[in-house]
Amino acid sequence: MRTWELLAAAAVLAIAGSGINAAAAENVKVTPLGGQDGEFCKLDRAMLFEDPDGTRLLYDPGMTVAGPEDPRLGKVDVILISHMHGDHVGSRHNKAPNSGSCDKPDLSVDAVPNTNAVDIALAKKAKFVTGSEMPAFFASKLTALGGDPKMSVLARFGGTVKVGGVEISTVPALHSNGVSPSFIGGELGDAMAAAGIAGDVGQATGYILKFSNGLVAYLSGDTGITAEQDLVVRGYYKAKLAVMNIGDNFTTGPTEAAYVINEMIKPASVIPSHANEVATEGGKVIAGTKTETFQKETNVPVHLPLSGKTMEFDAQGMCVAGC
């Protein structure tokens, strides 16, 4: 082959390669931060979303993120909290990634009254974006610990906050949202615990994330079936990727969750969450689990949130890498 032909071929390959890299740069990255690498475990809630522009959002760090020193975290710009229950905001947490087992994680680190989420926000200088009356709670915690209360930002239903290239909106979730007395502490906390009551911070929330590549994702939080999943999540926001709780008893079960996906939201793909079970072994779904039921009854691709495994989604909600 002549020299000019070799140069031309190299140029074509370079252009093709740059096109592939550019396409990859336009994807949204989703990394589950669960209890055991490569598995979907009992307490797994946390997910890290990365916009193509580098903005990173941590969703419900809960108990499986090993505090602000967890090496999987890296930069965190925003923390999203669906509601104030300990398994989402983090009353306790793993002492290190992979400590304990999938069924019995090592939750030896006590995070009250601060919560795991607040400790992470302070260390990472991250903003809270939450709905209902939760912003005031987080602002108070930040103030008490020497942080900036302005880093707790409100986005009530219908409102939108933009951080970096990501637009963040909240939608209703049908679930309780009490603040544990242990997060309040002192005499007031003791009196509330003795009376068996929790603090009121309004309704639980779900989230709509619109990324800079055009992808719209719905994060259900803990919820039952709501009319808004059809009228708002699908009808108005047109979500293409859903993160859907399937745990039953406290939230939609696998059959109800499949109905929400198939008949109401109708996204291009879905990531199950909050299964409240050991759902996988060796990264494969265990027969007879709620997760298997959800997979079988759902009409769109179901992508398991295997801890530490990054998935990439295009603007249409299709998983194009790490699937």
Protein backbone atom coordinates (compact mmCIF):
# COMPACT_ATOMS: atom_id res chain seq x y z
CA MET A 1 0.00 0.00 0.00
CA ARG A 2 1.34 3.43 -0.94
CA THR A 3 2.18 6.02 1.69
CA TRP A 4 -0.77 8.28 0.92
CA GLU A 5 -3.12 5.31 1.15
CA LEU A 6 -1.72 4.39 4.56
CA LEU A 7 -2.16 7.98 5.76
CA ALA A 8 -5.74 8.09 4.46
CA ALA A 9 -6.61 4.82 6.17
CA ALA A 10 -5.10 6.06 9.43
CA ALA A 11 -7.11 9.27 9.17
CA VAL A 12 -10.33 7.32 8.65
CA LEU A 13 -9.60 5.17 11.70
CA ALA A 14 -8.76 8.23 13.79
CA ILE A 15 -12.00 9.93 12.81
CA ALA A 16 -14.01 6.79 13.54
CA GLY A 17 -12.28 6.41 16.88
CA SER A 18 -12.93 10.00 17.84
CA GLY A 19 -16.58 9.51 16.93
CA ILE A 20 -16.82 6.53 19.26
CA ASN A 21 -15.16 8.49 22.07
CA ALA A 22 -17.46 11.47 21.49
CA ALA A 23 -20.51 9.19 21.58
CA ALA A 24 -19.33 7.61 24.82
CA ALA A 25 -18.81 11.06 26.33
CA GLU A 26 -22.50 11.82 25.72
CA ASN A 27 -23.73 8.96 27.90
CA VAL A 28 -24.97 9.19 31.49
CA LYS A 29 -23.09 6.88 33.85
CA VAL A 30 -24.94 5.08 36.66
CA THR A 31 -22.94 3.26 39.34
CA PRO A 32 -24.74 1.38 42.14
CA LEU A 33 -22.89 1.62 45.48
CA GLY A 34 -24.17 -1.45 47.27
CA GLY A 35 -22.96 -3.73 50.01
CA GLN A 36 -20.97 -6.27 47.98
CA ASP A 37 -19.14 -5.79 44.67
CA GLY A 38 -20.97 -7.34 41.73
CA GLU A 39 -24.13 -8.17 43.70
CA PHE A 40 -27.61 -6.74 44.37
CA CYS A 41 -28.00 -7.02 48.13
CA LYS A 42 -30.58 -6.58 50.86
CA LEU A 43 -29.91 -2.96 51.83
CA ASP A 44 -28.77 -1.62 48.44
CA ARG A 45 -30.27 1.79 47.70
CA ALA A 46 -27.37 4.09 46.77
CA MET A 47 -26.58 5.06 43.18
CA LEU A 48 -24.14 7.56 41.73
CA PHE A 49 -25.19 9.35 38.53
CA GLU A 50 -22.64 11.16 36.36
CA ASP A 51 -23.69 13.64 33.69
CA PRO A 52 -21.62 13.93 30.50
CA ASP A 53 -20.38 17.31 31.80
CA GLY A 54 -18.96 15.64 34.94
CA THR A 55 -21.70 16.65 37.42
CA ARG A 56 -22.12 13.81 39.91
CA LEU A 57 -25.26 13.10 41.94
CA LEU A 58 -25.47 10.66 44.86
CA TYR A 59 -28.94 9.23 45.38
CA ASP A 60 -29.97 7.88 48.82
CA PRO A 61 -26.52 6.93 50.21
CA GLY A 62 -28.17 4.92 52.96
CA MET A 63 -26.19 2.28 54.80
CA THR A 64 -24.03 0.78 52.05
CA VAL A 65 -21.88 3.84 51.33
CA ALA A 66 -19.04 3.57 53.83
CA GLY A 67 -19.12 7.20 54.92
CA PRO A 68 -17.35 10.10 53.20
CA GLU A 69 -14.10 8.11 52.97
CA ASP A 70 -15.67 5.43 50.79
CA PRO A 71 -13.17 5.20 47.90
CA ARG A 72 -15.98 4.59 45.40
CA LEU A 73 -17.44 8.06 45.88
CA GLY A 74 -14.94 10.44 44.33
CA LYS A 75 -16.35 13.89 43.64
CA VAL A 76 -19.98 14.44 44.70
CA ASP A 77 -21.77 17.63 43.64
CA VAL A 78 -25.33 16.84 44.75
CA ILE A 79 -26.98 14.52 47.27
CA LEU A 80 -30.60 13.52 46.62
CA ILE A 81 -32.64 12.13 49.51
CA SER A 82 -36.03 10.59 48.77
CA HIS A 83 -37.11 10.47 52.44
CA MET A 84 -35.74 10.44 55.95
CA HIS A 85 -35.80 6.74 56.84
CA GLY A 86 -32.52 5.37 58.14
CA ASP A 87 -31.94 2.95 55.27
CA HIS A 88 -31.96 5.90 52.84
CA VAL A 89 -30.38 8.78 54.73
CA GLY A 90 -28.04 6.50 56.68
CA SER A 91 -28.56 6.01 60.41
CA ARG A 92 -25.71 3.47 60.33
CA HIS A 93 -23.35 2.34 57.59
CA ASN A 94 -20.75 -0.19 56.53
CA LYS A 95 -17.29 0.40 57.97
CA ALA A 96 -15.82 -0.31 54.52
CA PRO A 97 -17.03 -1.50 51.12
CA ASN A 98 -17.71 -5.26 51.09
CA SER A 99 -17.68 -5.56 54.89
CA GLY A 100 -20.06 -8.18 56.20
CA SER A 101 -22.09 -10.16 53.70
CA CYS A 102 -24.87 -9.56 51.20
CA ASP A 103 -27.44 -10.77 53.71
CA LYS A 104 -25.76 -9.44 56.87
CA PRO A 105 -23.77 -6.28 56.15
CA ASP A 106 -21.45 -4.91 58.80
CA LEU A 107 -23.28 -1.78 59.96
CA SER A 108 -20.91 -1.08 62.83
CA VAL A 109 -20.57 2.67 62.19
CA ASP A 110 -23.24 4.71 63.99
CA ALA A 111 -24.10 7.89 62.04
CA VAL A 112 -26.70 9.45 64.37
CA PRO A 113 -27.56 12.20 64.93
CA ASN A 114 -25.76 13.56 61.85
CA THR A 115 -26.72 10.83 59.33
CA ASN A 116 -24.41 9.34 56.73
CA ALA A 117 -25.79 11.74 54.11
CA VAL A 118 -24.86 14.85 56.12
CA ASP A 119 -21.36 13.54 56.88
CA ILE A 120 -20.81 12.93 53.17
CA ALA A 121 -22.20 16.35 52.20
CA LEU A 122 -19.85 18.13 54.61
CA ALA A 123 -16.77 16.22 53.48
CA LYS A 124 -17.53 16.56 49.77
CA LYS A 125 -18.90 20.12 49.94
CA ALA A 126 -21.97 18.77 48.12
CA LYS A 127 -25.39 20.38 47.86
CA PHE A 128 -28.51 18.71 49.15
CA VAL A 129 -31.44 19.02 46.75
CA THR A 130 -34.62 17.79 48.45
CA GLY A 131 -38.35 18.43 48.54
CA SER A 132 -41.13 18.86 51.13
CA GLU A 133 -39.75 20.24 54.41
CA MET A 134 -36.51 18.26 54.28
CA PRO A 135 -34.28 21.21 53.21
CA ALA A 136 -34.71 22.94 56.58
CA PHE A 137 -33.68 19.77 58.43
CA PHE A 138 -30.48 19.40 56.39
CA ALA A 139 -29.72 23.13 56.61
CA SER A 140 -29.95 22.90 60.40
CA LYS A 141 -27.61 19.92 60.50
CA LEU A 142 -25.08 21.65 58.25
CA THR A 143 -25.19 24.78 60.42
CA ALA A 144 -24.68 22.81 63.64
CA LEU A 145 -21.62 21.10 62.17
CA GLY A 146 -19.99 24.25 60.79
CA GLY A 147 -21.26 23.89 57.24
CA ASP A 148 -23.16 26.30 55.02
CA PRO A 149 -26.97 26.04 55.32
CA LYS A 150 -27.28 27.47 51.81
CA MET A 151 -25.96 24.14 50.55
CA SER A 152 -29.40 22.68 51.33
CA VAL A 153 -31.62 23.59 48.38
CA LEU A 154 -35.38 23.27 48.00
CA ALA A 155 -37.14 21.74 44.98
CA ARG A 156 -40.79 21.19 45.84
CA PHE A 157 -43.22 19.42 43.50
CA GLY A 158 -43.22 21.11 40.12
CA GLY A 159 -40.07 23.09 40.84
CA THR A 160 -36.71 22.61 39.16
CA VAL A 161 -33.15 23.27 40.34
CA LYS A 162 -30.20 23.13 37.94
CA VAL A 163 -26.77 22.00 39.10
CA GLY A 164 -24.13 21.85 36.39
CA GLY A 165 -25.83 20.40 33.34
CA VAL A 166 -28.51 18.52 35.31
CA GLU A 167 -32.06 19.77 35.90
CA ILE A 168 -33.52 18.30 39.11
CA SER A 169 -37.26 18.22 39.76
CA THR A 170 -39.31 16.44 42.42
CA VAL A 171 -42.49 14.42 42.01
CA PRO A 172 -44.75 12.84 44.66
CA ALA A 173 -43.92 9.52 46.28
CA LEU A 174 -46.54 7.76 48.38
CA HIS A 175 -44.67 6.78 51.53
CA SER A 176 -44.15 7.86 55.13
CA ASN A 177 -41.38 10.36 55.85
CA GLY A 178 -40.84 10.67 59.59
CA VAL A 179 -37.58 11.91 61.11
CA SER A 180 -36.33 9.44 63.71
CA PRO A 181 -35.91 10.90 67.21
CA SER A 182 -32.32 9.64 67.06
CA PHE A 183 -31.62 12.24 64.35
CA ILE A 184 -32.91 14.98 66.68
CA GLY A 185 -31.22 13.97 69.91
CA GLY A 186 -31.29 15.70 73.26
CA GLU A 187 -34.30 15.96 75.55
CA LEU A 188 -36.65 16.54 72.63
CA GLY A 189 -35.46 13.41 70.87
CA ASP A 190 -35.77 11.39 74.08
CA ALA A 191 -39.33 12.66 74.65
CA MET A 192 -40.33 11.86 71.07
CA ALA A 193 -38.87 8.35 71.35
CA ALA A 194 -40.74 7.77 74.60
CA ALA A 195 -43.99 8.89 72.95
CA GLY A 196 -43.34 6.75 69.87
CA ILE A 197 -43.54 9.65 67.41
CA ALA A 198 -41.32 10.96 64.62
CA GLY A 199 -40.72 14.44 63.26
CA ASP A 200 -42.80 15.60 60.30
CA VAL A 201 -40.92 16.84 57.23
CA GLY A 202 -43.74 16.49 54.72
CA GLN A 203 -44.32 14.01 51.93
CA ALA A 204 -41.66 11.68 50.58
CA THR A 205 -40.39 12.54 47.12
CA GLY A 206 -39.31 11.00 43.87
CA TYR A 207 -36.96 12.74 41.46
CA ILE A 208 -36.84 13.63 37.79
CA LEU A 209 -33.35 14.17 36.43
CA LYS A 210 -32.85 15.74 33.01
CA PHE A 211 -29.25 15.31 31.94
CA SER A 212 -27.29 17.42 29.48
CA ASN A 213 -27.46 14.69 26.81
CA GLY A 214 -31.28 14.85 26.92
CA LEU A 215 -31.86 11.72 29.00
CA VAL A 216 -34.74 12.02 31.46
CA ALA A 217 -34.61 9.63 34.43
CA TYR A 218 -37.23 8.94 37.11
CA LEU A 219 -36.05 7.94 40.59
CA SER A 220 -39.08 6.56 42.39
CA GLY A 221 -37.84 6.72 45.96
CA ASP A 222 -40.04 4.57 48.18
CA THR A 223 -43.54 4.70 46.75
CA GLY A 224 -46.73 2.89 45.99
CA ILE A 225 -48.60 3.26 42.70
CA THR A 226 -49.54 6.91 42.08
CA ALA A 227 -51.48 8.63 39.31
CA GLU A 228 -48.53 10.98 38.83
CA GLN A 229 -46.46 8.12 37.45
CA ASP A 230 -48.68 8.22 34.38
CA LEU A 231 -49.79 11.86 34.20
CA VAL A 232 -46.57 13.55 35.29
CA VAL A 233 -43.60 11.18 35.00
CA ARG A 234 -44.63 9.83 31.59
CA GLY A 235 -47.07 12.48 30.36
CA TYR A 236 -45.13 15.62 31.19
CA TYR A 237 -41.50 14.68 31.80
CA LYS A 238 -41.44 11.71 29.38
CA ALA A 239 -38.93 9.71 31.43
CA LYS A 240 -36.92 7.18 29.41
CA LEU A 241 -35.03 5.54 32.31
CA ALA A 242 -36.65 4.53 35.60
CA VAL A 243 -35.13 3.47 38.92
CA MET A 244 -38.03 1.59 40.53
CA ASN A 245 -38.45 0.20 44.04
CA ILE A 246 -39.73 -3.40 44.09
CA GLY A 247 -39.46 -4.46 47.74
CA ASP A 248 -43.14 -4.97 48.67
CA ASN A 249 -44.72 -4.37 52.10
CA PHE A 250 -43.10 -0.91 52.49
CA THR A 251 -43.27 -0.01 48.77
CA THR A 252 -44.59 -1.39 45.50
CA GLY A 253 -43.92 -5.10 45.18
CA PRO A 254 -42.49 -6.66 42.03
CA THR A 255 -45.87 -7.17 40.33
CA GLU A 256 -47.09 -3.66 41.15
CA ALA A 257 -43.75 -2.19 40.08
CA ALA A 258 -43.93 -4.06 36.77
CA TYR A 259 -47.41 -2.59 36.21
CA VAL A 260 -46.05 0.91 36.85
CA ILE A 261 -43.31 0.35 34.28
CA ASN A 262 -45.43 -1.44 31.65
CA GLU A 263 -48.64 0.56 31.81
CA MET A 264 -47.84 3.93 33.36
CA ILE A 265 -44.30 5.22 32.83
CA LYS A 266 -43.38 3.10 29.77
CA PRO A 267 -39.65 3.93 29.81
CA ALA A 268 -37.05 2.43 27.50
CA SER A 269 -35.38 0.60 30.40
CA VAL A 270 -35.51 0.20 34.16
CA ILE A 271 -33.16 -0.40 37.09
CA PRO A 272 -34.83 -2.18 40.04
CA SER A 273 -34.05 -0.91 43.53
CA HIS A 274 -34.89 -1.51 47.18
CA ALA A 275 -35.57 -5.23 46.75
CA ASN A 276 -35.03 -5.94 50.47
CA GLU A 277 -33.55 -9.33 49.63
CA VAL A 278 -30.36 -11.02 48.55
CA ALA A 279 -31.29 -10.80 44.87
CA THR A 280 -28.18 -12.17 43.17
CA GLU A 281 -25.39 -14.68 43.58
CA GLY A 282 -22.33 -14.29 41.38
CA GLY A 283 -24.12 -11.39 39.70
CA LYS A 284 -26.99 -13.62 38.53
CA VAL A 285 -30.57 -13.37 39.74
CA ILE A 286 -31.55 -16.00 42.28
CA ALA A 287 -34.58 -18.06 41.29
CA GLY A 288 -37.75 -17.35 43.23
CA THR A 289 -36.76 -13.84 44.30
CA LYS A 290 -38.86 -10.71 43.94
CA THR A 291 -36.20 -9.46 41.55
CA GLU A 292 -36.74 -12.46 39.26
CA THR A 293 -40.51 -11.87 39.36
CA PHE A 294 -40.00 -8.24 38.37
CA GLN A 295 -37.70 -9.24 35.52
CA LYS A 296 -40.20 -11.74 34.16
CA GLU A 297 -43.20 -9.41 34.36
CA THR A 298 -41.56 -6.28 32.95
CA ASN A 299 -41.75 -5.58 29.21
CA VAL A 300 -38.64 -3.40 28.91
CA PRO A 301 -34.98 -4.28 29.58
CA VAL A 302 -34.27 -4.69 33.31
CA HIS A 303 -30.72 -3.76 34.29
CA LEU A 304 -29.62 -5.11 37.66
CA PRO A 305 -27.89 -2.62 40.00
CA LEU A 306 -24.80 -4.73 40.62
CA SER A 307 -22.64 -2.85 43.09
CA GLY A 308 -19.62 -1.12 41.56
CA LYS A 309 -20.61 -1.96 37.98
CA THR A 310 -21.06 1.22 35.94
CA MET A 311 -23.77 1.28 33.29
CA GLU A 312 -24.02 3.93 30.57
CA PHE A 313 -27.31 5.22 29.14
CA ASP A 314 -27.92 7.23 26.00
CA ALA A 315 -30.46 10.02 25.54
CA GLN A 316 -33.21 7.50 24.75
CA GLY A 317 -32.72 5.56 27.97
CA MET A 318 -31.02 2.58 26.37
CA CYS A 319 -28.11 0.94 28.18
CA VAL A 320 -25.17 1.08 25.78
CA ALA A 321 -22.29 -0.05 28.02
CA GLY A 322 -21.87 -2.10 31.21
CA CYS A 323 -25.24 -3.76 30.66
